[in-house]
Amino acid sequence: MNPSGWGEFLAALVFFLVSHSIPVRPPVKARLVARLGTGGFTLGYSALSLAALAWLIGAAGRAPVVTLWDWAPWQTHLTFTAMALATALTALAIGRPNPLSFGGARNEAFDPAAPGIVGWTRHPLLVALLLWSLGHLLPNGQLAHILLFGLFAGFCLLGMRLIDRRKQREMGAEEWRRLSQGVRSVRPTRAGLVRLALGAAVYWLLLLAHGPVIGVQPVF
């Protein structure tokens, strides 16, 4: 194994961590929002995050191959299941009021008596990313990919704790508890079913695009 072959992966890893930590630090974010506006900051941060993610994934694929375990067909079925759940969670959560985590929209309209998916998990988007990470960890037994998806999984778990602490500090413990103790309901709604149908369509598109974009075609 040539240690110098890990240079790009380590550089991409450092860039990913820095790009996801420094811009969201309160003093830095305040200055960026003052200059770019809220929408400009969100757009710029999203573009930076996607670029960092694309580089890190590509660098992991180009890193030296160090196999720690071999691929087996049953691992792929776990990935399909995890991704189906992740896509459903994302479809139910994105663009919905959620003052308890990131990614919420119209948070002032959040109703703890009818929280939807937030009644089951305060951080549905982070849980979806965690499922994506763990679902891709098992079928990728090369060291670089283990580090990659293990990092994402740890990032999600740590992120949930950090967001909870920050939200409690910002809202106050009593208000945070009031909003976070929502009702867990399994009653289907028309809007929820539409979102799940859209999520299923996105899931199918992800399967079709995985080969051309990532270079590995999923097989059942």
C-alpha atoms as a PDB file:
ATOM      1  CA  MET A   1       0.000   0.000   0.000  1.00  0.00           C
ATOM      2  CA  ASN A   2       1.353   3.410  -1.001  1.00  0.00           C
ATOM      3  CA  PRO A   3       0.632   5.934   1.801  1.00  0.00           C
ATOM      4  CA  SER A   4       0.901   8.828  -0.655  1.00  0.00           C
ATOM      5  CA  GLY A   5      -2.156   7.475  -2.422  1.00  0.00           C
ATOM      6  CA  TRP A   6      -4.260   8.606   0.545  1.00  0.00           C
ATOM      7  CA  GLY A   7      -3.349  12.269   0.065  1.00  0.00           C
ATOM      8  CA  GLU A   8      -6.436  13.276  -1.941  1.00  0.00           C
ATOM      9  CA  PHE A   9      -8.796  11.406   0.377  1.00  0.00           C
ATOM     10  CA  LEU A  10      -7.338  13.073   3.471  1.00  0.00           C
ATOM     11  CA  ALA A  11      -7.448  16.500   1.797  1.00  0.00           C
ATOM     12  CA  ALA A  12     -11.085  15.972   0.780  1.00  0.00           C
ATOM     13  CA  LEU A  13     -11.917  14.773   4.298  1.00  0.00           C
ATOM     14  CA  VAL A  14     -10.364  17.865   5.898  1.00  0.00           C
ATOM     15  CA  PHE A  15     -12.131  20.132   3.398  1.00  0.00           C
ATOM     16  CA  PHE A  16     -15.461  18.444   4.126  1.00  0.00           C
ATOM     17  CA  LEU A  17     -15.067  18.863   7.894  1.00  0.00           C
ATOM     18  CA  VAL A  18     -13.917  22.485   7.642  1.00  0.00           C
ATOM     19  CA  SER A  19     -16.639  23.449   5.146  1.00  0.00           C
ATOM     20  CA  HIS A  20     -19.312  22.000   7.437  1.00  0.00           C
ATOM     21  CA  SER A  21     -18.037  23.530  10.660  1.00  0.00           C
ATOM     22  CA  ILE A  22     -16.625  27.021  10.104  1.00  0.00           C
ATOM     23  CA  PRO A  23     -19.449  28.627   8.035  1.00  0.00           C
ATOM     24  CA  VAL A  24     -22.112  27.669  10.605  1.00  0.00           C
ATOM     25  CA  ARG A  25     -20.242  28.987  13.637  1.00  0.00           C
ATOM     26  CA  PRO A  26     -22.442  31.798  15.015  1.00  0.00           C
ATOM     27  CA  PRO A  27     -19.964  34.696  14.522  1.00  0.00           C
ATOM     28  CA  VAL A  28     -19.015  33.542  11.004  1.00  0.00           C
ATOM     29  CA  LYS A  29     -22.593  32.782   9.989  1.00  0.00           C
ATOM     30  CA  ALA A  30     -23.805  36.165  11.251  1.00  0.00           C
ATOM     31  CA  ARG A  31     -21.245  37.985   9.096  1.00  0.00           C
ATOM     32  CA  LEU A  32     -22.047  35.874   6.034  1.00  0.00           C
ATOM     33  CA  VAL A  33     -25.800  36.341   6.439  1.00  0.00           C
ATOM     34  CA  ALA A  34     -25.320  40.108   6.848  1.00  0.00           C
ATOM     35  CA  ARG A  35     -23.407  40.204   3.574  1.00  0.00           C
ATOM     36  CA  LEU A  36     -25.275  37.574   1.517  1.00  0.00           C
ATOM     37  CA  GLY A  37     -28.717  37.565   3.097  1.00  0.00           C
ATOM     38  CA  THR A  38     -30.407  34.472   4.517  1.00  0.00           C
ATOM     39  CA  GLY A  39     -31.256  33.066   1.098  1.00  0.00           C
ATOM     40  CA  GLY A  40     -27.794  33.759  -0.265  1.00  0.00           C
ATOM     41  CA  PHE A  41     -26.154  32.079   2.715  1.00  0.00           C
ATOM     42  CA  THR A  42     -28.383  29.010   2.392  1.00  0.00           C
ATOM     43  CA  LEU A  43     -27.705  28.733  -1.339  1.00  0.00           C
ATOM     44  CA  GLY A  44     -23.967  29.241  -0.949  1.00  0.00           C
ATOM     45  CA  TYR A  45     -23.645  26.847   1.985  1.00  0.00           C
ATOM     46  CA  SER A  46     -25.681  24.200   0.140  1.00  0.00           C
ATOM     47  CA  ALA A  47     -23.482  24.503  -2.959  1.00  0.00           C
ATOM     48  CA  LEU A  48     -20.325  24.299  -0.851  1.00  0.00           C
ATOM     49  CA  SER A  49     -21.646  21.248   1.008  1.00  0.00           C
ATOM     50  CA  LEU A  50     -22.548  19.432  -2.208  1.00  0.00           C
ATOM     51  CA  ALA A  51     -19.155  20.208  -3.737  1.00  0.00           C
ATOM     52  CA  ALA A  52     -17.354  18.951  -0.618  1.00  0.00           C
ATOM     53  CA  LEU A  53     -19.494  15.801  -0.560  1.00  0.00           C
ATOM     54  CA  ALA A  54     -18.919  15.088  -4.259  1.00  0.00           C
ATOM     55  CA  TRP A  55     -15.152  15.479  -3.857  1.00  0.00           C
ATOM     56  CA  LEU A  56     -15.048  13.274  -0.760  1.00  0.00           C
ATOM     57  CA  ILE A  57     -17.060  10.477  -2.392  1.00  0.00           C
ATOM     58  CA  GLY A  58     -14.924  10.648  -5.533  1.00  0.00           C
ATOM     59  CA  ALA A  59     -11.696  10.682  -3.515  1.00  0.00           C
ATOM     60  CA  ALA A  60     -12.832   7.605  -1.570  1.00  0.00           C
ATOM     61  CA  GLY A  61     -13.315   5.784  -4.858  1.00  0.00           C
ATOM     62  CA  ARG A  62      -9.812   6.754  -6.006  1.00  0.00           C
ATOM     63  CA  ALA A  63      -8.084   5.880  -2.723  1.00  0.00           C
ATOM     64  CA  PRO A  64      -5.919   2.716  -2.481  1.00  0.00           C
ATOM     65  CA  VAL A  65      -8.003  -0.430  -2.142  1.00  0.00           C
ATOM     66  CA  VAL A  66      -7.620  -2.003   1.296  1.00  0.00           C
ATOM     67  CA  THR A  67     -10.343  -4.629   1.714  1.00  0.00           C
ATOM     68  CA  LEU A  68     -11.440  -5.431   5.261  1.00  0.00           C
ATOM     69  CA  TRP A  69     -14.388  -7.643   4.306  1.00  0.00           C
ATOM     70  CA  ASP A  70     -15.821  -9.032   1.076  1.00  0.00           C
ATOM     71  CA  TRP A  71     -19.119  -8.148  -0.544  1.00  0.00           C
ATOM     72  CA  ALA A  72     -22.068 -10.545  -0.148  1.00  0.00           C
ATOM     73  CA  PRO A  73     -25.507 -10.342  -1.836  1.00  0.00           C
ATOM     74  CA  TRP A  74     -27.413 -10.029   1.474  1.00  0.00           C
ATOM     75  CA  GLN A  75     -25.614  -6.760   2.180  1.00  0.00           C
ATOM     76  CA  THR A  76     -27.155  -5.181  -0.903  1.00  0.00           C
ATOM     77  CA  HIS A  77     -30.674  -6.043   0.252  1.00  0.00           C
ATOM     78  CA  LEU A  78     -29.985  -4.229   3.525  1.00  0.00           C
ATOM     79  CA  THR A  79     -28.884  -1.203   1.502  1.00  0.00           C
ATOM     80  CA  PHE A  80     -32.107  -1.235  -0.538  1.00  0.00           C
ATOM     81  CA  THR A  81     -34.181  -1.415   2.653  1.00  0.00           C
ATOM     82  CA  ALA A  82     -32.232   1.330   4.410  1.00  0.00           C
ATOM     83  CA  MET A  83     -32.470   3.605   1.374  1.00  0.00           C
ATOM     84  CA  ALA A  84     -36.218   3.032   1.039  1.00  0.00           C
ATOM     85  CA  LEU A  85     -36.676   4.099   4.666  1.00  0.00           C
ATOM     86  CA  ALA A  86     -34.308   7.046   4.232  1.00  0.00           C
ATOM     87  CA  THR A  87     -36.157   8.258   1.144  1.00  0.00           C
ATOM     88  CA  ALA A  88     -39.527   7.942   2.880  1.00  0.00           C
ATOM     89  CA  LEU A  89     -38.262   9.885   5.914  1.00  0.00           C
ATOM     90  CA  THR A  90     -36.863  12.626   3.688  1.00  0.00           C
ATOM     91  CA  ALA A  91     -40.103  12.879   1.722  1.00  0.00           C
ATOM     92  CA  LEU A  92     -42.148  13.184   4.911  1.00  0.00           C
ATOM     93  CA  ALA A  93     -39.797  15.728   6.502  1.00  0.00           C
ATOM     94  CA  ILE A  94     -38.415  18.078   3.883  1.00  0.00           C
ATOM     95  CA  GLY A  95     -40.034  21.487   3.734  1.00  0.00           C
ATOM     96  CA  ARG A  96     -42.229  20.771   6.770  1.00  0.00           C
ATOM     97  CA  PRO A  97     -42.325  22.844   9.992  1.00  0.00           C
ATOM     98  CA  ASN A  98     -39.716  21.562  12.442  1.00  0.00           C
ATOM     99  CA  PRO A  99     -38.255  24.054  14.919  1.00  0.00           C
ATOM    100  CA  LEU A 100     -36.403  21.223  16.694  1.00  0.00           C
ATOM    101  CA  SER A 101     -33.881  20.453  13.956  1.00  0.00           C
ATOM    102  CA  PHE A 102     -32.461  21.801  10.718  1.00  0.00           C
ATOM    103  CA  GLY A 103     -34.250  21.799   7.383  1.00  0.00           C
ATOM    104  CA  GLY A 104     -37.603  22.981   8.718  1.00  0.00           C
ATOM    105  CA  ALA A 105     -39.774  25.492   6.856  1.00  0.00           C
ATOM    106  CA  ARG A 106     -42.500  27.755   8.260  1.00  0.00           C
ATOM    107  CA  ASN A 107     -41.448  26.717  11.759  1.00  0.00           C
ATOM    108  CA  GLU A 108     -43.874  29.159  13.341  1.00  0.00           C
ATOM    109  CA  ALA A 109     -46.687  26.916  12.063  1.00  0.00           C
ATOM    110  CA  PHE A 110     -45.402  23.848  13.931  1.00  0.00           C
ATOM    111  CA  ASP A 111     -48.129  22.225  16.033  1.00  0.00           C
ATOM    112  CA  PRO A 112     -46.867  19.815  18.732  1.00  0.00           C
ATOM    113  CA  ALA A 113     -50.352  18.287  18.839  1.00  0.00           C
ATOM    114  CA  ALA A 114     -49.975  17.269  15.166  1.00  0.00           C
ATOM    115  CA  PRO A 115     -46.209  17.065  14.563  1.00  0.00           C
ATOM    116  CA  GLY A 116     -46.267  14.440  11.815  1.00  0.00           C
ATOM    117  CA  ILE A 117     -42.931  12.695  11.375  1.00  0.00           C
ATOM    118  CA  VAL A 118     -41.379  14.990  14.022  1.00  0.00           C
ATOM    119  CA  GLY A 119     -43.481  13.176  16.607  1.00  0.00           C
ATOM    120  CA  TRP A 120     -41.425  10.051  15.885  1.00  0.00           C
ATOM    121  CA  THR A 121     -38.002  11.662  15.588  1.00  0.00           C
ATOM    122  CA  ARG A 122     -36.909  15.244  16.162  1.00  0.00           C
ATOM    123  CA  HIS A 123     -34.277  14.909  13.436  1.00  0.00           C
ATOM    124  CA  PRO A 124     -35.829  13.016  10.501  1.00  0.00           C
ATOM    125  CA  LEU A 125     -33.321  14.310   7.953  1.00  0.00           C
ATOM    126  CA  LEU A 126     -30.364  13.297  10.110  1.00  0.00           C
ATOM    127  CA  VAL A 127     -31.944   9.887  10.705  1.00  0.00           C
ATOM    128  CA  ALA A 128     -32.364   9.532   6.930  1.00  0.00           C
ATOM    129  CA  LEU A 129     -28.687  10.403   6.435  1.00  0.00           C
ATOM    130  CA  LEU A 130     -27.753   7.915   9.172  1.00  0.00           C
ATOM    131  CA  LEU A 131     -29.709   5.173   7.375  1.00  0.00           C
ATOM    132  CA  TRP A 132     -27.972   6.103   4.120  1.00  0.00           C
ATOM    133  CA  SER A 133     -24.578   5.895   5.820  1.00  0.00           C
ATOM    134  CA  LEU A 134     -25.143   2.583   7.578  1.00  0.00           C
ATOM    135  CA  GLY A 135     -26.889   1.116   4.542  1.00  0.00           C
ATOM    136  CA  HIS A 136     -23.828   1.823   2.398  1.00  0.00           C
ATOM    137  CA  LEU A 137     -21.284   0.818   5.034  1.00  0.00           C
ATOM    138  CA  LEU A 138     -21.874  -2.945   4.951  1.00  0.00           C
ATOM    139  CA  PRO A 139     -21.563  -3.559   1.193  1.00  0.00           C
ATOM    140  CA  ASN A 140     -18.436  -1.392   0.949  1.00  0.00           C
ATOM    141  CA  GLY A 141     -15.706  -3.220   2.814  1.00  0.00           C
ATOM    142  CA  GLN A 142     -12.804  -1.098   1.546  1.00  0.00           C
ATOM    143  CA  LEU A 143     -11.051   1.007   4.181  1.00  0.00           C
ATOM    144  CA  ALA A 144     -11.657   4.363   2.465  1.00  0.00           C
ATOM    145  CA  HIS A 145     -15.410   3.739   2.182  1.00  0.00           C
ATOM    146  CA  ILE A 146     -15.593   2.450   5.754  1.00  0.00           C
ATOM    147  CA  LEU A 147     -13.994   5.699   6.911  1.00  0.00           C
ATOM    148  CA  LEU A 148     -16.304   7.696   4.648  1.00  0.00           C
ATOM    149  CA  PHE A 149     -19.616   6.168   5.695  1.00  0.00           C
ATOM    150  CA  GLY A 150     -18.496   5.713   9.299  1.00  0.00           C
ATOM    151  CA  LEU A 151     -17.714   9.438   9.402  1.00  0.00           C
ATOM    152  CA  PHE A 152     -21.181  10.287   8.094  1.00  0.00           C
ATOM    153  CA  ALA A 153     -22.849   8.009  10.642  1.00  0.00           C
ATOM    154  CA  GLY A 154     -20.892   9.574  13.489  1.00  0.00           C
ATOM    155  CA  PHE A 155     -21.608  13.040  12.082  1.00  0.00           C
ATOM    156  CA  CYS A 156     -25.356  12.295  12.234  1.00  0.00           C
ATOM    157  CA  LEU A 157     -25.325  10.934  15.787  1.00  0.00           C
ATOM    158  CA  LEU A 158     -23.198  13.784  17.088  1.00  0.00           C
ATOM    159  CA  GLY A 159     -25.261  16.310  15.141  1.00  0.00           C
ATOM    160  CA  MET A 160     -28.482  15.206  16.837  1.00  0.00           C
ATOM    161  CA  ARG A 161     -26.982  15.778  20.271  1.00  0.00           C
ATOM    162  CA  LEU A 162     -25.476  19.123  19.341  1.00  0.00           C
ATOM    163  CA  ILE A 163     -28.705  20.395  17.782  1.00  0.00           C
ATOM    164  CA  ASP A 164     -30.722  19.313  20.829  1.00  0.00           C
ATOM    165  CA  ARG A 165     -28.353  21.191  23.117  1.00  0.00           C
ATOM    166  CA  ARG A 166     -28.381  24.307  20.953  1.00  0.00           C
ATOM    167  CA  LYS A 167     -32.175  24.325  20.577  1.00  0.00           C
ATOM    168  CA  GLN A 168     -32.683  23.894  24.322  1.00  0.00           C
ATOM    169  CA  ARG A 169     -30.336  26.795  24.934  1.00  0.00           C
ATOM    170  CA  GLU A 170     -32.082  29.013  22.366  1.00  0.00           C
ATOM    171  CA  MET A 171     -35.691  28.121  23.265  1.00  0.00           C
ATOM    172  CA  GLY A 172     -35.327  27.387  26.944  1.00  0.00           C
ATOM    173  CA  ALA A 173     -35.691  23.901  28.384  1.00  0.00           C
ATOM    174  CA  GLU A 174     -39.422  24.210  29.117  1.00  0.00           C
ATOM    175  CA  GLU A 175     -40.388  25.364  25.615  1.00  0.00           C
ATOM    176  CA  TRP A 176     -38.130  22.730  24.041  1.00  0.00           C
ATOM    177  CA  ARG A 177     -39.822  19.993  26.079  1.00  0.00           C
ATOM    178  CA  ARG A 178     -43.275  21.305  25.136  1.00  0.00           C
ATOM    179  CA  LEU A 179     -42.482  21.202  21.434  1.00  0.00           C
ATOM    180  CA  SER A 180     -40.575  17.909  21.534  1.00  0.00           C
ATOM    181  CA  GLN A 181     -43.252  15.900  23.354  1.00  0.00           C
ATOM    182  CA  GLY A 182     -45.456  15.592  20.303  1.00  0.00           C
ATOM    183  CA  VAL A 183     -48.007  12.889  19.591  1.00  0.00           C
ATOM    184  CA  ARG A 184     -46.897   9.815  17.673  1.00  0.00           C
ATOM    185  CA  SER A 185     -49.614   9.186  15.146  1.00  0.00           C
ATOM    186  CA  VAL A 186     -49.837   6.536  12.429  1.00  0.00           C
ATOM    187  CA  ARG A 187     -53.023   7.952  10.948  1.00  0.00           C
ATOM    188  CA  PRO A 188     -52.359   8.443   7.222  1.00  0.00           C
ATOM    189  CA  THR A 189     -53.188  11.784   5.667  1.00  0.00           C
ATOM    190  CA  ARG A 190     -53.623  12.705   2.039  1.00  0.00           C
ATOM    191  CA  ALA A 191     -50.591  15.001   2.147  1.00  0.00           C
ATOM    192  CA  GLY A 192     -48.512  12.296   3.783  1.00  0.00           C
ATOM    193  CA  LEU A 193     -49.490   9.703   1.175  1.00  0.00           C
ATOM    194  CA  VAL A 194     -48.653  12.131  -1.638  1.00  0.00           C
ATOM    195  CA  ARG A 195     -45.243  12.737  -0.070  1.00  0.00           C
ATOM    196  CA  LEU A 196     -44.619   8.996   0.229  1.00  0.00           C
ATOM    197  CA  ALA A 197     -45.579   8.513  -3.424  1.00  0.00           C
ATOM    198  CA  LEU A 198     -43.145  11.247  -4.442  1.00  0.00           C
ATOM    199  CA  GLY A 199     -40.514   9.621  -2.225  1.00  0.00           C
ATOM    200  CA  ALA A 200     -41.054   6.291  -3.988  1.00  0.00           C
ATOM    201  CA  ALA A 201     -40.570   7.997  -7.354  1.00  0.00           C
ATOM    202  CA  VAL A 202     -37.357   9.633  -6.134  1.00  0.00           C
ATOM    203  CA  TYR A 203     -36.159   6.268  -4.810  1.00  0.00           C
ATOM    204  CA  TRP A 204     -36.645   4.713  -8.240  1.00  0.00           C
ATOM    205  CA  LEU A 205     -34.819   7.621  -9.903  1.00  0.00           C
ATOM    206  CA  LEU A 206     -31.927   7.196  -7.466  1.00  0.00           C
ATOM    207  CA  LEU A 207     -31.639   3.538  -8.442  1.00  0.00           C
ATOM    208  CA  LEU A 208     -31.593   4.445 -12.142  1.00  0.00           C
ATOM    209  CA  ALA A 209     -29.086   7.280 -11.691  1.00  0.00           C
ATOM    210  CA  HIS A 210     -26.739   5.432  -9.321  1.00  0.00           C
ATOM    211  CA  GLY A 211     -24.836   3.675 -12.084  1.00  0.00           C
ATOM    212  CA  PRO A 212     -24.295   6.670 -14.408  1.00  0.00           C
ATOM    213  CA  VAL A 213     -23.484   9.080 -11.539  1.00  0.00           C
ATOM    214  CA  ILE A 214     -21.596   6.905  -9.012  1.00  0.00           C
ATOM    215  CA  GLY A 215     -20.260   4.274 -11.394  1.00  0.00           C
ATOM    216  CA  VAL A 216     -21.775   1.282  -9.575  1.00  0.00           C
ATOM    217  CA  GLN A 217     -25.136  -0.072 -10.704  1.00  0.00           C
ATOM    218  CA  PRO A 218     -27.270  -1.479  -7.846  1.00  0.00           C
ATOM    219  CA  VAL A 219     -28.582  -4.989  -8.507  1.00  0.00           C
ATOM    220  CA  PHE A 220     -31.380  -6.868  -6.775  1.00  0.00           C
END
